[in-house]
Amino acid sequence: MTKDRPSSPPSPSTETLAVHGGEPRRHEFDALAAPIVQTATYTFRDTAELVAFFEGRTEREEEYGRYGNPTVRLVETKVAALEGAEDGIAFASGMAAVTTAILALVQSGSHVVLFADCYRRTRQFVTKFLDRFGVTSTLVSDLDELRAALRPETKLVIGEAPTNPYQSVPDLRELAAICRERRVKTLVDATFATPVNLRALEHGIDLVLHSATKYLAGHNDVLGGVLVGKSGLVSIVRDLRHVLGGVLDPHAAYLIHRGIKSLAVRVKQQNTSALAIAQALEGHRRVRRVWYPGLPSHPSHTVARELMSGFGGVVTFELDADLDGTSRFVDACAIPRIAPSLGGVESLIEQPALMSYFELTTEQRAAVGISNSLVRYAVGIEDTDELIADLLRALDATS
């Protein structure tokens, strides 16, 4: 008679991974919370241990703060667990992560393809700075343009899912297949989605980027960035981080690690509120258009439903107003704070024409798709009904 074998434990949910994933069962000193290892350098017992370390004969990972830190490593392994990645690497900011990754994967003579609606600083780095190093680039707006843009020297394709501010979601499955056929690496900024709503690696993407400043940390109090993917690819980027030095501070890592514990709970609340807000705004007499992938009216709605488990916490909409009228509406909102960024527990509101594109003229803004009456609303975790009531009141007050 055969004995029943114990069944394997089920794969952990996102909620459980956010709390426990990527970290040991017990921390040093039996601490429940991850200790902050606040040091710039590490000591060796003797020369024999030093030699063993450099020969790879010990499990020890740390030698100097620029090369690694136990608290930072917890952030890297936790985000990797959430994304289903082999490895991860943390940086001092999201921009430090994306610029280091790009520089690690290209060389003089390389070609990069970038989706035009990527974050403007990423676009600026690719189109303005890479040229100094002999790296060319092409901006594309869809997958057909991507196919036409690929060249023998193309090394990297960069996109976002969803994009900022119009919330477009490219079909990552098709994007990955196109690039894989041409042996081109793919990097997707999934900051807006978070691992709760989208796991891009499962759809064939090579590297996934998060500005940890946003949803991962979740409290608008720390800067950070994380890149995850296959260990071999991540190690190439890590080697360059050792040189460029854009490392995450241990205390910042602690705050991000602590924030991730509540990531799933926060994002699910933000998903619910953002969809309700988008539905309330759509069709309002003072709102020309709403961009939110959870709405059937959004061009990416079908793809978003297939790839995402939730549609995110950002709602973008255009008022039937001019620049000043839109500013009056923003000022009339009582709950959200006027500020850049997103992903925190507080709702934030901004008029992109004045926040991110202030230095441009109306015509120049229009050329990059930013109207004077555009509003971006980053939903926090406040009461959904109160957020909607506040927005409707502000619309009525400034009509």
Protein backbone atom coordinates (compact mmCIF):
# COMPACT_ATOMS: atom_id res chain seq x y z
CA MET A 1 0.00 0.00 0.00
CA THR A 2 1.42 3.38 -1.00
CA LYS A 3 1.35 6.30 1.32
CA ASP A 4 -0.34 9.48 0.22
CA ARG A 5 2.21 12.08 -0.67
CA PRO A 6 1.73 15.49 0.88
CA SER A 7 0.32 17.89 -1.64
CA SER A 8 2.47 20.83 -2.74
CA PRO A 9 1.46 24.16 -1.26
CA PRO A 10 -0.47 26.35 -3.68
CA SER A 11 1.30 29.23 -5.36
CA PRO A 12 1.08 32.25 -3.06
CA SER A 13 -1.23 35.10 -3.95
CA THR A 14 -0.02 38.60 -4.68
CA GLU A 15 -1.21 39.66 -1.24
CA THR A 16 0.90 36.97 0.44
CA LEU A 17 3.91 37.61 -1.78
CA ALA A 18 3.79 41.31 -0.96
CA VAL A 19 4.10 40.48 2.73
CA HIS A 20 6.42 37.46 2.71
CA GLY A 21 7.88 37.02 -0.77
CA GLY A 22 11.61 37.26 -1.35
CA GLU A 23 12.66 37.39 2.28
CA PRO A 24 13.85 34.84 4.87
CA ARG A 25 11.53 33.31 7.42
CA ARG A 26 13.59 34.91 10.19
CA HIS A 27 15.61 38.11 10.10
CA GLU A 28 18.79 38.83 12.04
CA PHE A 29 18.35 39.32 15.78
CA ASP A 30 14.92 37.61 15.45
CA ALA A 31 13.47 40.94 14.36
CA LEU A 32 10.04 40.78 12.73
CA ALA A 33 10.69 43.92 10.66
CA ALA A 34 13.69 43.84 8.32
CA PRO A 35 16.71 45.44 10.03
CA ILE A 36 18.31 48.50 8.45
CA VAL A 37 21.95 47.68 7.78
CA GLN A 38 23.18 51.26 7.79
CA THR A 39 26.80 50.87 6.77
CA ALA A 40 28.98 51.90 3.85
CA THR A 41 31.60 49.18 4.28
CA TYR A 42 31.93 45.66 5.67
CA THR A 43 34.77 44.06 7.61
CA PHE A 44 36.54 40.71 7.23
CA ARG A 45 37.63 38.53 10.14
CA ASP A 46 41.03 37.89 8.57
CA THR A 47 42.88 37.69 5.25
CA ALA A 48 41.73 34.12 4.70
CA GLU A 49 38.09 35.20 4.73
CA LEU A 50 38.91 38.07 2.36
CA VAL A 51 40.56 35.71 -0.13
CA ALA A 52 37.71 33.21 0.18
CA PHE A 53 35.22 35.97 -0.57
CA PHE A 54 36.93 37.06 -3.78
CA GLU A 55 37.38 33.44 -4.86
CA GLY A 56 33.65 32.86 -4.39
CA ARG A 57 34.07 30.27 -1.64
CA THR A 58 31.70 31.91 0.83
CA GLU A 59 27.98 32.72 0.83
CA ARG A 60 28.77 36.25 1.89
CA GLU A 61 27.62 38.92 -0.62
CA GLU A 62 28.77 42.26 0.81
CA GLU A 63 32.13 43.97 0.67
CA TYR A 64 31.37 47.66 0.07
CA GLY A 65 28.13 49.62 0.04
CA ARG A 66 28.17 50.43 -3.65
CA TYR A 67 28.20 46.72 -4.47
CA GLY A 68 25.41 45.57 -2.19
CA ASN A 69 23.55 45.87 1.09
CA PRO A 70 21.34 43.33 2.92
CA THR A 71 18.42 45.76 3.33
CA VAL A 72 18.59 46.76 -0.32
CA ARG A 73 18.79 43.11 -1.30
CA LEU A 74 15.46 42.45 0.42
CA VAL A 75 13.79 45.01 -1.85
CA GLU A 76 15.38 43.39 -4.90
CA THR A 77 14.29 39.87 -4.00
CA LYS A 78 10.79 40.91 -2.95
CA VAL A 79 10.04 42.77 -6.20
CA ALA A 80 11.53 39.86 -8.15
CA ALA A 81 9.18 37.50 -6.29
CA LEU A 82 6.19 39.71 -7.04
CA GLU A 83 7.06 39.84 -10.74
CA GLY A 84 8.01 36.17 -11.04
CA ALA A 85 11.56 37.20 -12.00
CA GLU A 86 14.84 35.40 -11.43
CA ASP A 87 16.58 38.47 -10.01
CA GLY A 88 16.25 42.16 -9.37
CA ILE A 89 18.41 45.21 -8.81
CA ALA A 90 17.54 48.40 -6.93
CA PHE A 91 18.61 51.96 -7.64
CA ALA A 92 18.45 55.41 -6.06
CA SER A 93 15.57 56.40 -8.38
CA GLY A 94 13.53 55.13 -11.28
CA MET A 95 15.56 57.26 -13.68
CA ALA A 96 18.81 55.82 -12.30
CA ALA A 97 17.38 52.37 -13.03
CA VAL A 98 16.29 53.07 -16.61
CA THR A 99 19.38 55.04 -17.65
CA THR A 100 21.77 52.45 -16.19
CA ALA A 101 19.86 49.62 -17.86
CA ILE A 102 19.94 51.36 -21.25
CA LEU A 103 23.65 52.14 -21.01
CA ALA A 104 24.38 48.54 -19.99
CA LEU A 105 22.58 47.08 -23.00
CA VAL A 106 23.77 49.35 -25.83
CA GLN A 107 27.07 50.50 -27.27
CA SER A 108 28.28 52.94 -29.89
CA GLY A 109 26.55 52.06 -33.15
CA SER A 110 23.50 50.56 -31.45
CA HIS A 111 19.94 51.58 -32.23
CA VAL A 112 17.13 51.96 -29.67
CA VAL A 113 13.38 52.05 -30.34
CA LEU A 114 11.24 53.96 -27.89
CA PHE A 115 7.47 54.30 -27.74
CA ALA A 116 6.77 58.00 -28.07
CA ASP A 117 4.40 58.23 -25.11
CA CYS A 118 7.01 57.03 -22.63
CA TYR A 119 7.90 59.13 -19.61
CA ARG A 120 9.34 62.41 -20.88
CA ARG A 121 12.65 62.08 -19.00
CA THR A 122 13.21 58.62 -20.45
CA ARG A 123 12.41 60.04 -23.88
CA GLN A 124 14.79 62.92 -23.26
CA PHE A 125 17.62 60.58 -22.26
CA VAL A 126 17.17 58.35 -25.30
CA THR A 127 16.67 61.08 -27.90
CA LYS A 128 19.07 63.75 -26.56
CA PHE A 129 21.82 62.08 -24.53
CA LEU A 130 22.42 58.71 -26.19
CA ASP A 131 23.32 60.46 -29.41
CA ARG A 132 26.46 61.75 -27.67
CA PHE A 133 27.67 58.16 -27.41
CA GLY A 134 26.89 57.18 -30.99
CA VAL A 135 23.56 55.50 -30.19
CA THR A 136 20.67 56.33 -32.52
CA SER A 137 16.97 56.10 -31.69
CA THR A 138 13.56 55.97 -33.31
CA LEU A 139 10.23 56.96 -31.75
CA VAL A 140 7.20 54.83 -32.60
CA SER A 141 3.54 55.02 -31.69
CA ASP A 142 2.31 51.45 -32.31
CA LEU A 143 3.43 47.93 -33.12
CA ASP A 144 3.25 48.43 -36.89
CA GLU A 145 5.67 51.33 -36.59
CA LEU A 146 7.82 49.18 -34.31
CA ARG A 147 8.15 46.49 -36.96
CA ALA A 148 9.18 49.07 -39.54
CA ALA A 149 11.67 50.71 -37.17
CA LEU A 150 13.69 47.63 -36.26
CA ARG A 151 17.15 47.44 -37.83
CA PRO A 152 20.02 44.95 -37.68
CA GLU A 153 21.72 47.21 -35.13
CA THR A 154 18.61 47.56 -32.92
CA LYS A 155 19.49 46.32 -29.44
CA LEU A 156 16.64 47.50 -27.24
CA VAL A 157 12.95 48.42 -27.37
CA ILE A 158 11.55 50.50 -24.50
CA GLY A 159 7.87 50.92 -23.66
CA GLU A 160 5.43 51.52 -20.82
CA ALA A 161 2.28 49.73 -19.73
CA PRO A 162 0.15 51.70 -19.11
CA THR A 163 1.63 54.89 -20.52
CA ASN A 164 1.67 58.34 -18.98
CA PRO A 165 -0.63 60.23 -19.18
CA TYR A 166 -2.99 58.58 -21.68
CA GLN A 167 -2.97 55.09 -20.17
CA SER A 168 -2.27 53.18 -23.39
CA VAL A 169 -1.51 49.48 -22.97
CA PRO A 170 0.41 47.89 -25.86
CA ASP A 171 -0.09 44.21 -26.54
CA LEU A 172 3.01 42.98 -24.72
CA ARG A 173 2.62 39.47 -26.12
CA GLU A 174 2.91 40.73 -29.68
CA LEU A 175 5.62 43.24 -28.77
CA ALA A 176 7.71 40.49 -27.19
CA ALA A 177 7.21 38.15 -30.14
CA ILE A 178 8.27 40.82 -32.66
CA CYS A 179 11.44 41.58 -30.72
CA ARG A 180 12.29 37.98 -29.89
CA GLU A 181 12.21 37.10 -33.59
CA ARG A 182 14.76 39.84 -34.25
CA ARG A 183 16.84 39.07 -31.12
CA VAL A 184 16.08 42.48 -29.64
CA LYS A 185 15.77 42.95 -25.87
CA THR A 186 12.64 44.53 -24.39
CA LEU A 187 12.30 46.80 -21.36
CA VAL A 188 8.87 47.81 -20.07
CA ASP A 189 8.21 50.43 -17.42
CA ALA A 190 5.29 48.97 -15.47
CA THR A 191 5.21 51.62 -12.72
CA PHE A 192 1.57 52.52 -13.40
CA ALA A 193 0.48 48.88 -13.40
CA THR A 194 2.49 47.47 -10.47
CA PRO A 195 2.97 43.69 -10.14
CA VAL A 196 -0.53 43.56 -8.67
CA ASN A 197 -2.17 44.48 -11.97
CA LEU A 198 0.36 43.24 -14.54
CA ARG A 199 3.29 40.80 -14.68
CA ALA A 200 4.93 41.71 -17.96
CA LEU A 201 7.60 39.01 -17.77
CA GLU A 202 4.87 36.39 -18.12
CA HIS A 203 4.08 37.86 -21.54
CA GLY A 204 7.65 37.55 -22.82
CA ILE A 205 9.16 40.91 -21.83
CA ASP A 206 12.85 40.70 -20.86
CA LEU A 207 13.14 43.45 -18.22
CA VAL A 208 10.53 45.21 -16.10
CA LEU A 209 11.15 48.57 -14.47
CA HIS A 210 9.41 50.20 -11.52
CA SER A 211 9.83 53.64 -10.09
CA ALA A 212 9.62 52.41 -6.50
CA THR A 213 8.93 56.00 -5.51
CA LYS A 214 5.35 55.45 -6.65
CA TYR A 215 3.16 52.47 -5.77
CA LEU A 216 5.81 50.14 -4.36
CA ALA A 217 6.79 52.49 -1.54
CA GLY A 218 3.32 54.00 -1.58
CA HIS A 219 3.69 56.94 0.81
CA ASN A 220 5.31 59.75 -1.19
CA ASP A 221 8.29 59.82 1.18
CA VAL A 222 11.17 58.06 -0.59
CA LEU A 223 12.89 57.77 -3.98
CA GLY A 224 13.90 54.47 -5.54
CA GLY A 225 13.84 52.29 -8.64
CA VAL A 226 13.88 48.54 -9.26
CA LEU A 227 14.65 46.51 -12.38
CA VAL A 228 13.82 42.79 -12.61
CA GLY A 229 14.27 40.02 -15.17
CA LYS A 230 16.43 36.99 -15.92
CA SER A 231 19.52 36.78 -13.72
CA GLY A 232 22.02 36.94 -16.61
CA LEU A 233 20.52 40.14 -17.97
CA VAL A 234 20.14 41.71 -14.53
CA SER A 235 23.78 40.92 -13.72
CA ILE A 236 24.92 42.94 -16.75
CA VAL A 237 23.04 45.95 -15.40
CA ARG A 238 24.32 45.32 -11.86
CA ASP A 239 27.91 45.38 -13.06
CA LEU A 240 27.38 48.85 -14.52
CA ARG A 241 25.60 50.07 -11.38
CA HIS A 242 28.75 49.15 -9.49
CA VAL A 243 30.59 51.62 -11.74
CA LEU A 244 28.02 54.42 -12.05
CA GLY A 245 27.04 54.23 -8.39
CA GLY A 246 23.30 54.89 -8.51
CA VAL A 247 22.72 52.69 -5.47
CA LEU A 248 19.70 52.72 -3.18
CA ASP A 249 20.30 53.97 0.35
CA PRO A 250 19.64 51.36 3.10
CA HIS A 251 17.14 53.54 4.94
CA ALA A 252 15.29 54.28 1.71
CA ALA A 253 15.30 50.54 1.01
CA TYR A 254 13.74 49.91 4.41
CA LEU A 255 10.92 52.36 3.65
CA ILE A 256 10.29 50.79 0.24
CA HIS A 257 10.35 47.28 1.73
CA ARG A 258 7.88 48.32 4.40
CA GLY A 259 5.66 50.00 1.81
CA ILE A 260 5.51 46.91 -0.40
CA LYS A 261 3.94 44.95 2.46
CA SER A 262 0.66 46.82 1.89
CA LEU A 263 1.01 47.13 -1.91
CA ALA A 264 -1.74 44.70 -2.88
CA VAL A 265 -4.27 46.18 -0.47
CA ARG A 266 -3.54 49.75 -1.55
CA VAL A 267 -3.57 49.03 -5.29
CA LYS A 268 -6.86 47.15 -5.16
CA GLN A 269 -8.48 50.10 -3.40
CA GLN A 270 -6.99 52.48 -5.94
CA ASN A 271 -8.20 50.30 -8.80
CA THR A 272 -11.75 50.41 -7.43
CA SER A 273 -11.75 54.16 -6.83
CA ALA A 274 -10.13 55.06 -10.15
CA LEU A 275 -12.64 53.05 -12.16
CA ALA A 276 -15.55 54.63 -10.27
CA ILE A 277 -14.08 58.12 -10.80
CA ALA A 278 -13.53 57.48 -14.51
CA GLN A 279 -17.13 56.31 -14.87
CA ALA A 280 -18.44 59.34 -12.99
CA LEU A 281 -16.44 61.77 -15.14
CA GLU A 282 -17.22 60.16 -18.49
CA GLY A 283 -20.21 61.86 -20.00
CA HIS A 284 -20.14 64.80 -17.58
CA ARG A 285 -21.09 67.98 -19.40
CA ARG A 286 -17.83 69.70 -18.45
CA VAL A 287 -15.56 66.78 -19.39
CA ARG A 288 -14.59 66.35 -23.03
CA ARG A 289 -12.90 62.98 -22.67
CA VAL A 290 -11.62 60.50 -20.10
CA TRP A 291 -8.62 58.19 -20.56
CA TYR A 292 -8.74 55.12 -18.34
CA PRO A 293 -8.08 51.58 -19.61
CA GLY A 294 -10.94 50.22 -17.54
CA LEU A 295 -13.45 52.14 -19.67
CA PRO A 296 -14.76 50.45 -22.85
CA SER A 297 -14.21 53.78 -24.61
CA HIS A 298 -10.43 53.58 -24.15
CA PRO A 299 -8.57 52.35 -27.27
CA SER A 300 -6.56 49.88 -25.17
CA HIS A 301 -9.51 48.51 -23.21
CA THR A 302 -9.59 45.08 -24.89
CA VAL A 303 -5.85 44.52 -24.52
CA ALA A 304 -5.90 45.82 -20.94
CA ARG A 305 -8.66 43.37 -20.02
CA GLU A 306 -6.59 40.50 -21.41
CA LEU A 307 -3.29 41.47 -19.79
CA MET A 308 -4.24 43.21 -16.55
CA SER A 309 -6.07 42.11 -13.42
CA GLY A 310 -6.83 45.74 -12.52
CA PHE A 311 -6.63 49.01 -14.41
CA GLY A 312 -4.57 51.17 -12.08
CA GLY A 313 -4.99 54.27 -9.98
CA VAL A 314 -4.53 57.12 -12.48
CA VAL A 315 -7.35 58.82 -14.36
CA THR A 316 -6.59 61.36 -17.09
CA PHE A 317 -9.30 63.63 -18.43
CA GLU A 318 -9.76 66.78 -20.49
CA LEU A 319 -12.11 69.53 -19.42
CA ASP A 320 -14.28 71.68 -21.64
CA ALA A 321 -12.30 74.70 -20.52
CA ASP A 322 -9.23 76.81 -21.25
CA LEU A 323 -5.97 76.92 -19.29
CA ASP A 324 -7.29 79.25 -16.59
CA GLY A 325 -10.61 77.45 -16.28
CA THR A 326 -8.83 74.16 -15.79
CA SER A 327 -6.62 75.74 -13.14
CA ARG A 328 -9.71 76.99 -11.29
CA PHE A 329 -11.11 73.46 -11.30
CA VAL A 330 -7.87 72.03 -9.92
CA ASP A 331 -7.82 74.69 -7.19
CA ALA A 332 -11.46 73.95 -6.31
CA CYS A 333 -10.75 70.28 -5.50
CA ALA A 334 -10.56 69.95 -1.72
CA ILE A 335 -9.18 66.42 -1.23
CA PRO A 336 -6.31 65.89 -3.70
CA ARG A 337 -3.10 67.85 -3.25
CA ILE A 338 -1.58 69.67 -6.23
CA ALA A 339 1.65 67.80 -6.82
CA PRO A 340 3.57 65.67 -9.31
CA SER A 341 4.02 61.92 -8.86
CA LEU A 342 1.46 59.21 -8.12
CA GLY A 343 0.98 55.94 -6.30
CA GLY A 344 0.86 57.20 -2.72
CA VAL A 345 -1.92 56.99 -0.17
CA GLU A 346 -2.82 60.63 -0.80
CA SER A 347 -4.70 61.58 -3.96
CA LEU A 348 -2.76 64.01 -6.15
CA ILE A 349 -3.98 66.21 -8.98
CA GLU A 350 -2.05 68.10 -11.61
CA GLN A 351 -2.50 70.09 -14.79
CA PRO A 352 0.31 68.67 -16.99
CA ALA A 353 0.51 71.85 -19.06
CA LEU A 354 1.66 73.70 -15.95
CA MET A 355 3.31 70.92 -13.96
CA SER A 356 5.44 68.97 -16.43
CA TYR A 357 5.34 71.15 -19.54
CA PHE A 358 5.39 74.66 -18.07
CA GLU A 359 8.34 75.77 -20.19
CA LEU A 360 6.54 75.00 -23.47
CA THR A 361 4.13 77.19 -25.39
CA THR A 362 0.56 76.08 -26.05
CA GLU A 363 1.56 75.10 -29.59
CA GLN A 364 4.58 73.13 -28.37
CA ARG A 365 2.44 71.31 -25.82
CA ALA A 366 -0.10 70.43 -28.47
CA ALA A 367 2.69 69.00 -30.63
CA VAL A 368 3.49 66.45 -27.91
CA GLY A 369 -0.18 65.75 -27.18
CA ILE A 370 -0.65 67.86 -24.05
CA SER A 371 -3.60 70.25 -24.07
CA ASN A 372 -4.04 73.15 -21.67
CA SER A 373 -7.21 71.57 -20.27
CA LEU A 374 -5.70 68.15 -19.50
CA VAL A 375 -5.87 66.90 -15.89
CA ARG A 376 -4.12 63.89 -14.37
CA TYR A 377 -5.64 62.52 -11.19
CA ALA A 378 -3.56 60.03 -9.17
CA VAL A 379 -6.02 58.31 -6.87
CA GLY A 380 -5.08 57.63 -3.26
CA ILE A 381 -6.81 55.40 -0.73
CA GLU A 382 -9.39 57.89 0.55
CA ASP A 383 -13.10 57.04 0.51
CA THR A 384 -14.26 56.51 -3.08
CA ASP A 385 -17.60 58.30 -2.73
CA GLU A 386 -15.95 61.30 -1.11
CA LEU A 387 -13.39 61.56 -3.92
CA ILE A 388 -16.13 61.50 -6.54
CA ALA A 389 -18.27 64.02 -4.67
CA ASP A 390 -15.29 66.36 -4.37
CA LEU A 391 -14.58 66.21 -8.11
CA LEU A 392 -18.21 66.78 -9.07
CA ARG A 393 -18.48 69.68 -6.66
CA ALA A 394 -15.36 71.28 -8.14
CA LEU A 395 -16.75 70.83 -11.67
CA ASP A 396 -20.03 72.50 -10.68
CA ALA A 397 -18.28 75.29 -8.80
CA THR A 398 -16.18 76.30 -11.79
CA SER A 399 -18.74 75.86 -14.54
